[in-house]
Amino acid sequence: MHKTKDAVLVIYNEDPRTLCHGGNLRVHHLLVGLAESFSVTLLILTPPSKTSVSVEAVPYTIIHAPTSPILYLSKQPLATLVLYFFGALSRASKIFFRSQPLFTRHFYQIRCLRVAATALLKKKTFDYVIVEHSYLGAVLKNIQTRAVTVIDFHNVHAFSEATKYNRWIGGLIERRARRHYDIAVCCSVDDQHRLRLLGYDQVFVIPNGATVDSAVLPEQVPDAMSLLFMGDLRYPSNLEGVSFFLQHIYPLLPGAIPFHIIGYGSEALRPFSATFPSVTAHGFVPDPSVFFNNAILVCPIFNGGGTRLKVLSAFAAGVPVISTPRGVEGLGCVDGIHVLLASSARQFVDRITAILHDQQLYSAIRHAAFQFVRDQYSWERIGDGYVKMLSRFSKPSP
C-alpha cells in the first residue's frame, strides 16, 4: 500500500522564488529538497504587487497570508494598529529605526503570519511546522499543535549583530522563541554552539549550499581581471564590509581594477564611482553569473552569522575568494587551499595583488574550492540530510 507523505508547513515572510538574497536561496532550495519526501506547504505574506517572482513551477504549495490590518481589527484593535504603525514606520523611516530595522519591521508580519497559521492548522493536520528566521520565532506563540516544531536560524543575532543594542534585542527574541520549538536548525557548528548557549537543546546543523552545474570545472585563463562583491546591502554586515573595502582597501590597490558591487541596496554606494570610476554599483542583478568570468570575489565581512551563500556560489562557479575569517566561518575551508584569508586592509591588498599576478595560484584556488563545494555543499546532499534529520522526529497521533 502506498504510504501518504508526511505534511510539512513552512512559514516565511516573503516569496523565496525571487532568489534575490541568501535567505531566499536557502529557503527555496531546502523546500525543494524537503518536497522530495514530504508534502510541503509554504505560508508567506502576500507580496507587494511590484514584486516579481520566478514563473517556474515549484514542488511545493504556496499560501498567502493577508496583510491588511482591517482583517485583524475586530480581535485586537489596539495591538493591531500599533504593530501596523511600527511596521510601516520602520520600513519608511531612515531616522528613527536606522540601528535596529531587522527587528522592528517584523512585529506586524509576525501578527499576520500567526493569524494565518492558526487558521490553517485548524483546517489541516501537519506533521512538521518549520519557521524560517529567529525574528519570526514568535509566530507560533499561543498556537497549539501536535506537529514537530522547528525553527531555522539563518543567523544567531544575539552574537552576530554589529551593535550591542541589536545583540541584546536579538538575544531577547531568540531566548523567548525556544519555548515554542522542539528543534532548532542552523547553518554552522559555530552557530550550533551559540544556540546551546541560548538554552536550545536539540540543535542540528543544516548548512547552506550551492548549485553545482557541472562535474568538472572548465579551464579559464585569467585576463582583464575584476573584483566582485555579491550581497544584500540592506543587511548591515554587508554594507559595513563593502564600505570598509572601498574606504581602506580599494585605494591601496595598484591600477584601476574594475570592482562590481551587486545586490539590493548597492545603489547607495554609487557616489564612490565619482571618486573611483572603475567601481560600479549595479543594484539587484537577476543573474550574477554574468560577472563571474575572470572575477575575484571579495568578502570583507566582520560581523554576522550563518554561512555565506555568496562564498559557496563563487566556489561552485570557479571564482576565487578572498575573505575575512568571519566571512567563511563554519564552512571548513582551508586558507591557501580553498580560499585566501585576510584580516586587515594590508592583508587584503597583499592577497589580491598575489592572485592577480600568479596564474598558478589563481588556478589552484579555484579548482580546490570547486571540488570542495561539489563534494560537501551541493543542495541535493544538504536536502537529503535535512529529510533524514526530520524523519528521526515524530509525534504520536492523537
Protein backbone atom coordinates (compact mmCIF):
# COMPACT_ATOMS: atom_id res chain seq x y z
CA MET A 1 0.00 0.00 0.00
CA HIS A 2 1.28 3.48 -0.92
CA LYS A 3 2.17 5.46 2.20
CA THR A 4 0.90 9.04 2.39
CA LYS A 5 3.67 11.56 2.61
CA ASP A 6 4.10 13.40 5.90
CA ALA A 7 2.93 17.02 5.66
CA VAL A 8 5.29 19.94 6.31
CA LEU A 9 4.21 23.57 6.84
CA VAL A 10 6.97 26.16 6.33
CA ILE A 11 6.31 29.74 7.50
CA TYR A 12 8.32 32.57 5.94
CA ASN A 13 7.80 36.30 5.48
CA GLU A 14 8.46 36.59 1.74
CA ASP A 15 8.33 34.65 -1.50
CA PRO A 16 11.63 32.72 -1.76
CA ARG A 17 11.28 32.23 -5.50
CA THR A 18 12.71 35.70 -6.09
CA LEU A 19 16.16 34.31 -5.16
CA CYS A 20 17.29 37.89 -4.52
CA HIS A 21 19.31 37.24 -1.35
CA GLY A 22 20.82 34.45 0.71
CA GLY A 23 17.77 33.86 2.89
CA ASN A 24 15.54 33.24 -0.11
CA LEU A 25 18.11 30.95 -1.71
CA ARG A 26 18.31 28.87 1.45
CA VAL A 27 14.56 28.60 1.93
CA HIS A 28 13.79 27.78 -1.70
CA HIS A 29 16.42 25.06 -2.06
CA LEU A 30 15.56 23.46 1.28
CA LEU A 31 11.89 23.45 0.28
CA VAL A 32 12.77 21.69 -2.96
CA GLY A 33 14.80 19.12 -1.02
CA LEU A 34 12.01 18.51 1.50
CA ALA A 35 9.46 18.13 -1.29
CA GLU A 36 11.29 15.01 -2.47
CA SER A 37 9.98 13.15 0.61
CA PHE A 38 7.25 15.32 2.15
CA SER A 39 4.11 17.15 1.10
CA VAL A 40 5.24 20.75 1.58
CA THR A 41 3.09 23.86 2.08
CA LEU A 42 4.67 27.32 2.27
CA LEU A 43 2.84 30.10 4.12
CA ILE A 44 4.10 33.58 3.20
CA LEU A 45 2.89 37.15 3.37
CA THR A 46 1.05 38.49 0.35
CA PRO A 47 3.83 40.09 -1.71
CA PRO A 48 3.67 43.71 -2.91
CA SER A 49 2.24 43.99 -6.41
CA LYS A 50 5.59 45.33 -7.69
CA THR A 51 7.43 42.18 -6.61
CA SER A 52 8.36 39.87 -9.49
CA VAL A 53 8.94 36.19 -8.88
CA SER A 54 10.12 33.24 -10.87
CA VAL A 55 7.41 31.69 -13.04
CA GLU A 56 8.98 28.26 -12.85
CA ALA A 57 6.84 25.54 -11.33
CA VAL A 58 7.89 24.60 -7.79
CA PRO A 59 7.23 21.30 -5.99
CA TYR A 60 5.54 22.95 -3.02
CA THR A 61 2.19 24.65 -2.43
CA ILE A 62 2.17 28.39 -1.65
CA ILE A 63 -0.47 30.03 0.56
CA HIS A 64 -0.52 33.81 1.08
CA ALA A 65 -1.30 35.39 4.45
CA PRO A 66 -3.29 38.64 4.07
CA THR A 67 -1.53 41.73 5.42
CA SER A 68 -4.39 44.22 5.69
CA PRO A 69 -4.86 45.44 9.30
CA ILE A 70 -8.63 45.64 8.74
CA LEU A 71 -8.81 41.82 8.85
CA TYR A 72 -7.47 41.74 12.42
CA LEU A 73 -9.04 44.86 14.00
CA SER A 74 -12.04 43.00 15.42
CA LYS A 75 -9.91 40.77 17.69
CA GLN A 76 -7.15 43.06 18.95
CA PRO A 77 -7.75 46.54 17.52
CA LEU A 78 -5.21 48.50 19.56
CA ALA A 79 -2.40 45.93 19.25
CA THR A 80 -3.04 45.54 15.52
CA LEU A 81 -2.92 49.27 14.84
CA VAL A 82 0.22 49.77 16.94
CA LEU A 83 2.06 46.89 15.25
CA TYR A 84 0.97 48.01 11.80
CA PHE A 85 2.09 51.57 12.55
CA PHE A 86 5.54 50.50 13.76
CA GLY A 87 5.95 48.06 10.88
CA ALA A 88 5.12 50.73 8.31
CA LEU A 89 7.25 53.36 10.06
CA SER A 90 10.30 51.11 10.29
CA ARG A 91 10.14 50.36 6.56
CA ALA A 92 9.72 54.01 5.60
CA SER A 93 11.98 55.69 8.14
CA LYS A 94 15.70 56.14 7.77
CA ILE A 95 16.00 58.06 11.04
CA PHE A 96 14.12 56.51 13.95
CA PHE A 97 14.89 52.85 13.25
CA ARG A 98 18.21 53.12 11.49
CA SER A 99 20.06 50.92 14.02
CA GLN A 100 17.51 48.15 14.54
CA PRO A 101 15.30 47.75 11.42
CA LEU A 102 15.77 43.96 11.31
CA PHE A 103 13.62 43.52 14.40
CA THR A 104 11.15 46.43 14.31
CA ARG A 105 9.97 45.79 10.76
CA HIS A 106 8.84 42.24 11.56
CA PHE A 107 6.49 42.94 14.50
CA TYR A 108 3.43 43.29 12.30
CA GLN A 109 4.50 40.49 9.97
CA ILE A 110 4.51 38.10 12.94
CA ARG A 111 0.93 39.07 13.75
CA CYS A 112 -0.27 38.47 10.18
CA LEU A 113 1.52 35.13 9.89
CA ARG A 114 0.29 33.95 13.30
CA VAL A 115 -3.35 34.61 12.43
CA ALA A 116 -3.00 32.83 9.08
CA ALA A 117 -1.08 29.89 10.60
CA THR A 118 -3.70 29.44 13.34
CA ALA A 119 -6.48 29.23 10.77
CA LEU A 120 -4.51 26.88 8.53
CA LEU A 121 -3.57 24.50 11.37
CA LYS A 122 -7.25 24.22 12.32
CA LYS A 123 -8.13 23.15 8.79
CA LYS A 124 -5.26 20.79 8.05
CA THR A 125 -3.02 18.46 10.03
CA PHE A 126 0.72 18.86 9.60
CA ASP A 127 3.44 16.56 10.89
CA TYR A 128 6.09 19.28 10.94
CA VAL A 129 5.90 23.08 11.23
CA ILE A 130 9.07 24.99 10.30
CA VAL A 131 9.51 28.72 10.92
CA GLU A 132 12.27 30.47 8.99
CA HIS A 133 14.37 33.12 10.80
CA SER A 134 14.64 33.67 14.52
CA TYR A 135 12.96 37.09 14.37
CA LEU A 136 9.76 35.29 13.26
CA GLY A 137 10.01 32.85 16.18
CA ALA A 138 7.01 34.32 17.98
CA VAL A 139 4.72 33.27 15.12
CA LEU A 140 3.91 30.03 16.98
CA LYS A 141 3.21 31.75 20.30
CA ASN A 142 -0.12 30.50 21.74
CA ILE A 143 -0.61 28.07 18.84
CA GLN A 144 -1.38 24.51 19.92
CA THR A 145 -0.19 21.81 17.52
CA ARG A 146 0.86 18.18 17.72
CA ALA A 147 3.33 18.74 14.91
CA VAL A 148 7.08 18.69 15.46
CA THR A 149 8.03 22.37 15.56
CA VAL A 150 11.30 23.57 14.03
CA ILE A 151 12.93 27.00 13.92
CA ASP A 152 15.59 27.65 11.27
CA PHE A 153 18.27 30.14 12.36
CA HIS A 154 19.76 31.76 9.26
CA ASN A 155 21.79 33.83 11.72
CA VAL A 156 22.09 33.92 15.51
CA HIS A 157 21.53 37.62 16.11
CA ALA A 158 22.43 37.51 19.80
CA PHE A 159 26.05 37.03 18.70
CA SER A 160 26.21 38.40 15.16
CA GLU A 161 24.72 41.90 15.20
CA ALA A 162 27.11 44.84 14.92
CA THR A 163 25.71 46.90 17.84
CA LYS A 164 25.24 45.98 21.49
CA TYR A 165 21.62 47.08 21.35
CA ASN A 166 20.81 44.81 18.41
CA ARG A 167 22.64 41.90 20.05
CA TRP A 168 20.56 42.46 23.19
CA ILE A 169 17.28 42.62 21.24
CA GLY A 170 18.30 39.60 19.16
CA GLY A 171 19.17 37.58 22.25
CA LEU A 172 15.88 38.50 23.93
CA ILE A 173 13.84 37.40 20.91
CA GLU A 174 15.86 34.22 20.38
CA ARG A 175 15.74 33.13 24.04
CA ARG A 176 11.99 33.68 24.22
CA ALA A 177 11.42 31.73 21.00
CA ARG A 178 12.91 28.49 22.31
CA ARG A 179 9.82 27.61 24.36
CA HIS A 180 7.78 27.24 21.14
CA TYR A 181 10.04 24.75 19.33
CA ASP A 182 11.11 21.14 19.63
CA ILE A 183 14.11 21.50 17.30
CA ALA A 184 16.42 24.29 16.16
CA VAL A 185 18.46 24.11 12.97
CA CYS A 186 21.29 26.43 11.96
CA CYS A 187 23.93 26.89 9.27
CA SER A 188 27.16 26.01 11.05
CA VAL A 189 28.77 24.30 14.03
CA ASP A 190 29.67 27.76 15.36
CA ASP A 191 26.01 28.77 15.38
CA GLN A 192 25.08 25.42 16.92
CA HIS A 193 27.35 26.23 19.87
CA ARG A 194 25.82 29.73 20.16
CA LEU A 195 22.29 28.32 20.24
CA ARG A 196 23.21 25.94 23.03
CA LEU A 197 24.46 28.93 25.00
CA LEU A 198 20.99 30.45 24.48
CA GLY A 199 19.38 27.35 26.00
CA TYR A 200 18.40 25.31 22.94
CA ASP A 201 18.81 21.56 23.50
CA GLN A 202 18.02 19.89 20.17
CA VAL A 203 20.17 21.80 17.66
CA PHE A 204 21.15 20.42 14.24
CA VAL A 205 23.38 21.84 11.53
CA ILE A 206 21.75 22.13 8.10
CA PRO A 207 24.32 24.16 6.15
CA ASN A 208 23.78 26.43 3.20
CA GLY A 209 24.66 25.06 -0.20
CA ALA A 210 25.33 25.87 -3.82
CA THR A 211 24.12 24.76 -7.20
CA VAL A 212 26.92 22.85 -8.93
CA ASP A 213 26.15 22.84 -12.65
CA SER A 214 28.93 20.57 -13.87
CA ALA A 215 31.09 17.72 -12.64
CA VAL A 216 34.29 19.35 -13.91
CA LEU A 217 35.30 22.99 -13.73
CA PRO A 218 36.17 24.45 -17.15
CA GLU A 219 39.67 25.83 -17.54
CA GLN A 220 39.99 29.60 -17.51
CA VAL A 221 42.96 31.82 -18.27
CA PRO A 222 42.78 34.99 -16.15
CA ASP A 223 42.63 38.03 -18.37
CA ALA A 224 41.31 41.52 -17.59
CA MET A 225 40.56 40.52 -14.01
CA SER A 226 37.90 42.24 -11.92
CA LEU A 227 36.79 42.29 -8.29
CA LEU A 228 33.27 41.35 -7.27
CA PHE A 229 31.08 41.68 -4.20
CA MET A 230 27.67 39.99 -4.01
CA GLY A 231 25.20 40.58 -1.20
CA ASP A 232 22.13 42.35 0.05
CA LEU A 233 23.40 45.77 1.16
CA ARG A 234 20.26 46.27 3.24
CA TYR A 235 21.89 43.80 5.64
CA PRO A 236 24.14 45.92 7.93
CA SER A 237 27.08 43.49 7.96
CA ASN A 238 27.32 43.57 4.16
CA LEU A 239 27.11 47.35 3.98
CA GLU A 240 29.71 47.72 6.73
CA GLY A 241 32.09 45.34 4.95
CA VAL A 242 31.84 46.91 1.50
CA SER A 243 32.17 50.42 2.93
CA PHE A 244 35.35 49.34 4.73
CA PHE A 245 36.70 47.82 1.50
CA LEU A 246 36.02 51.00 -0.51
CA GLN A 247 37.48 53.31 2.12
CA HIS A 248 40.51 51.38 3.32
CA ILE A 249 41.42 48.67 0.79
CA TYR A 250 40.49 49.66 -2.74
CA PRO A 251 42.51 52.94 -2.71
CA LEU A 252 45.67 50.91 -1.92
CA LEU A 253 45.32 48.53 -4.88
CA PRO A 254 47.60 49.09 -7.87
CA GLY A 255 45.89 50.27 -11.02
CA ALA A 256 42.19 50.81 -11.67
CA ILE A 257 40.89 47.27 -11.17
CA PRO A 258 37.18 47.10 -12.09
CA PHE A 259 35.09 46.45 -8.98
CA HIS A 260 31.48 45.32 -9.43
CA ILE A 261 29.06 45.51 -6.49
CA ILE A 262 25.75 43.70 -6.97
CA GLY A 263 22.78 43.25 -4.69
CA TYR A 264 19.82 45.16 -3.30
CA GLY A 265 20.81 48.47 -1.75
CA SER A 266 24.13 48.75 -3.56
CA GLU A 267 22.81 51.83 -5.34
CA ALA A 268 23.67 53.73 -2.14
CA LEU A 269 27.35 53.18 -2.93
CA ARG A 270 27.22 54.84 -6.35
CA PRO A 271 28.74 58.10 -5.04
CA PHE A 272 32.01 56.16 -4.71
CA SER A 273 32.05 55.97 -8.52
CA ALA A 274 32.76 59.70 -8.64
CA THR A 275 36.00 59.07 -6.73
CA PHE A 276 36.71 55.67 -8.32
CA PRO A 277 35.31 55.47 -11.88
CA SER A 278 36.20 51.77 -12.04
CA VAL A 279 33.75 50.99 -9.16
CA THR A 280 30.25 50.14 -10.39
CA ALA A 281 27.25 49.53 -8.12
CA HIS A 282 24.71 47.62 -10.21
CA GLY A 283 21.88 47.12 -7.72
CA PHE A 284 19.99 43.84 -7.83
CA VAL A 285 21.06 41.60 -10.72
CA PRO A 286 18.83 38.58 -11.51
CA ASP A 287 21.76 36.53 -12.83
CA PRO A 288 25.05 37.33 -11.03
CA SER A 289 26.91 34.73 -13.11
CA VAL A 290 27.39 37.30 -15.88
CA PHE A 291 30.06 38.85 -13.63
CA PHE A 292 31.83 35.58 -12.75
CA ASN A 293 34.20 35.36 -15.72
CA ASN A 294 37.75 36.28 -14.61
CA ALA A 295 36.43 37.67 -11.33
CA ILE A 296 37.76 37.53 -7.78
CA LEU A 297 35.12 37.61 -5.07
CA VAL A 298 35.95 39.74 -2.03
CA CYS A 299 34.13 39.07 1.23
CA PRO A 300 35.20 41.75 3.77
CA ILE A 301 32.66 40.66 6.40
CA PHE A 302 33.47 41.34 10.06
CA ASN A 303 30.06 40.70 11.67
CA GLY A 304 27.06 38.47 11.09
CA GLY A 305 26.41 34.76 11.42
CA GLY A 306 25.21 31.84 9.33
CA THR A 307 27.32 30.84 6.37
CA ARG A 308 27.87 32.94 3.27
CA LEU A 309 25.92 31.77 0.26
CA LYS A 310 27.90 34.26 -1.78
CA VAL A 311 31.10 32.35 -0.99
CA LEU A 312 29.63 28.94 -1.80
CA SER A 313 28.17 30.28 -5.06
CA ALA A 314 31.59 31.63 -6.02
CA PHE A 315 33.26 28.30 -5.20
CA ALA A 316 30.73 26.47 -7.39
CA ALA A 317 31.40 28.85 -10.29
CA GLY A 318 35.19 28.63 -10.03
CA VAL A 319 35.57 32.19 -8.74
CA PRO A 320 38.49 32.58 -6.29
CA VAL A 321 37.52 34.10 -2.94
CA ILE A 322 39.45 36.46 -0.67
CA SER A 323 37.69 36.80 2.66
CA THR A 324 37.96 37.65 6.31
CA PRO A 325 37.90 34.60 8.60
CA ARG A 326 34.38 35.64 9.68
CA GLY A 327 33.26 35.63 6.06
CA VAL A 328 33.92 31.90 5.69
CA GLU A 329 33.13 30.93 9.28
CA GLY A 330 31.62 27.48 9.62
CA LEU A 331 32.42 26.32 6.08
CA GLY A 332 35.53 24.29 6.91
CA CYS A 333 37.57 25.64 4.02
CA VAL A 334 41.34 25.98 4.41
CA ASP A 335 43.35 29.17 3.95
CA GLY A 336 45.73 28.93 1.00
CA ILE A 337 43.91 25.91 -0.46
CA HIS A 338 40.22 26.77 -0.94
CA VAL A 339 40.31 30.47 -0.05
CA LEU A 340 42.72 33.29 0.75
CA LEU A 341 42.10 34.85 4.17
CA ALA A 342 42.77 38.44 5.19
CA SER A 343 42.08 40.16 8.49
CA SER A 344 43.29 43.67 7.72
CA ALA A 345 43.35 46.16 4.88
CA ARG A 346 47.03 45.44 4.21
CA GLN A 347 46.43 41.69 4.06
CA PHE A 348 43.56 42.17 1.61
CA VAL A 349 45.80 44.23 -0.64
CA ASP A 350 48.57 41.60 -0.48
CA ARG A 351 46.20 38.69 -1.22
CA ILE A 352 44.53 40.47 -4.13
CA THR A 353 47.87 41.51 -5.61
CA ALA A 354 49.21 37.96 -5.28
CA ILE A 355 46.32 36.29 -7.08
CA LEU A 356 46.28 38.95 -9.81
CA HIS A 357 49.90 38.19 -10.69
CA ASP A 358 50.11 34.45 -10.03
CA GLN A 359 48.19 32.40 -12.58
CA GLN A 360 49.16 29.13 -10.87
CA LEU A 361 47.73 30.34 -7.54
CA TYR A 362 44.57 31.56 -9.28
CA SER A 363 44.02 28.17 -10.94
CA ALA A 364 44.84 26.11 -7.84
CA ILE A 365 42.46 28.07 -5.57
CA ARG A 366 39.51 27.94 -7.95
CA HIS A 367 39.86 24.20 -8.65
CA ALA A 368 40.27 23.23 -4.99
CA ALA A 369 37.28 25.38 -3.97
CA PHE A 370 35.11 23.90 -6.73
CA GLN A 371 35.87 20.34 -5.69
CA PHE A 372 35.28 21.28 -2.03
CA VAL A 373 31.79 22.69 -2.65
CA ARG A 374 30.87 19.90 -5.08
CA ASP A 375 31.73 17.21 -2.54
CA GLN A 376 30.28 18.82 0.58
CA TYR A 377 27.80 21.60 -0.20
CA SER A 378 25.55 20.61 -3.08
CA TRP A 379 21.89 21.43 -2.37
CA GLU A 380 20.95 17.82 -3.17
CA ARG A 381 23.25 16.49 -0.46
CA ILE A 382 22.00 19.05 2.07
CA GLY A 383 18.34 18.40 1.25
CA ASP A 384 18.84 14.67 1.82
CA GLY A 385 20.41 15.40 5.19
CA TYR A 386 17.50 17.64 6.20
CA VAL A 387 14.96 14.95 5.31
CA LYS A 388 16.86 12.31 7.29
CA MET A 389 17.12 14.59 10.32
CA LEU A 390 13.40 15.43 10.36
CA SER A 391 12.43 11.80 9.83
CA ARG A 392 14.01 10.95 13.18
CA PHE A 393 11.37 13.05 14.97
CA SER A 394 7.64 12.44 15.04
CA LYS A 395 4.82 12.92 17.49
CA PRO A 396 2.26 10.19 18.08
CA SER A 397 -1.17 10.55 16.51
CA PRO A 398 -3.91 11.61 18.93
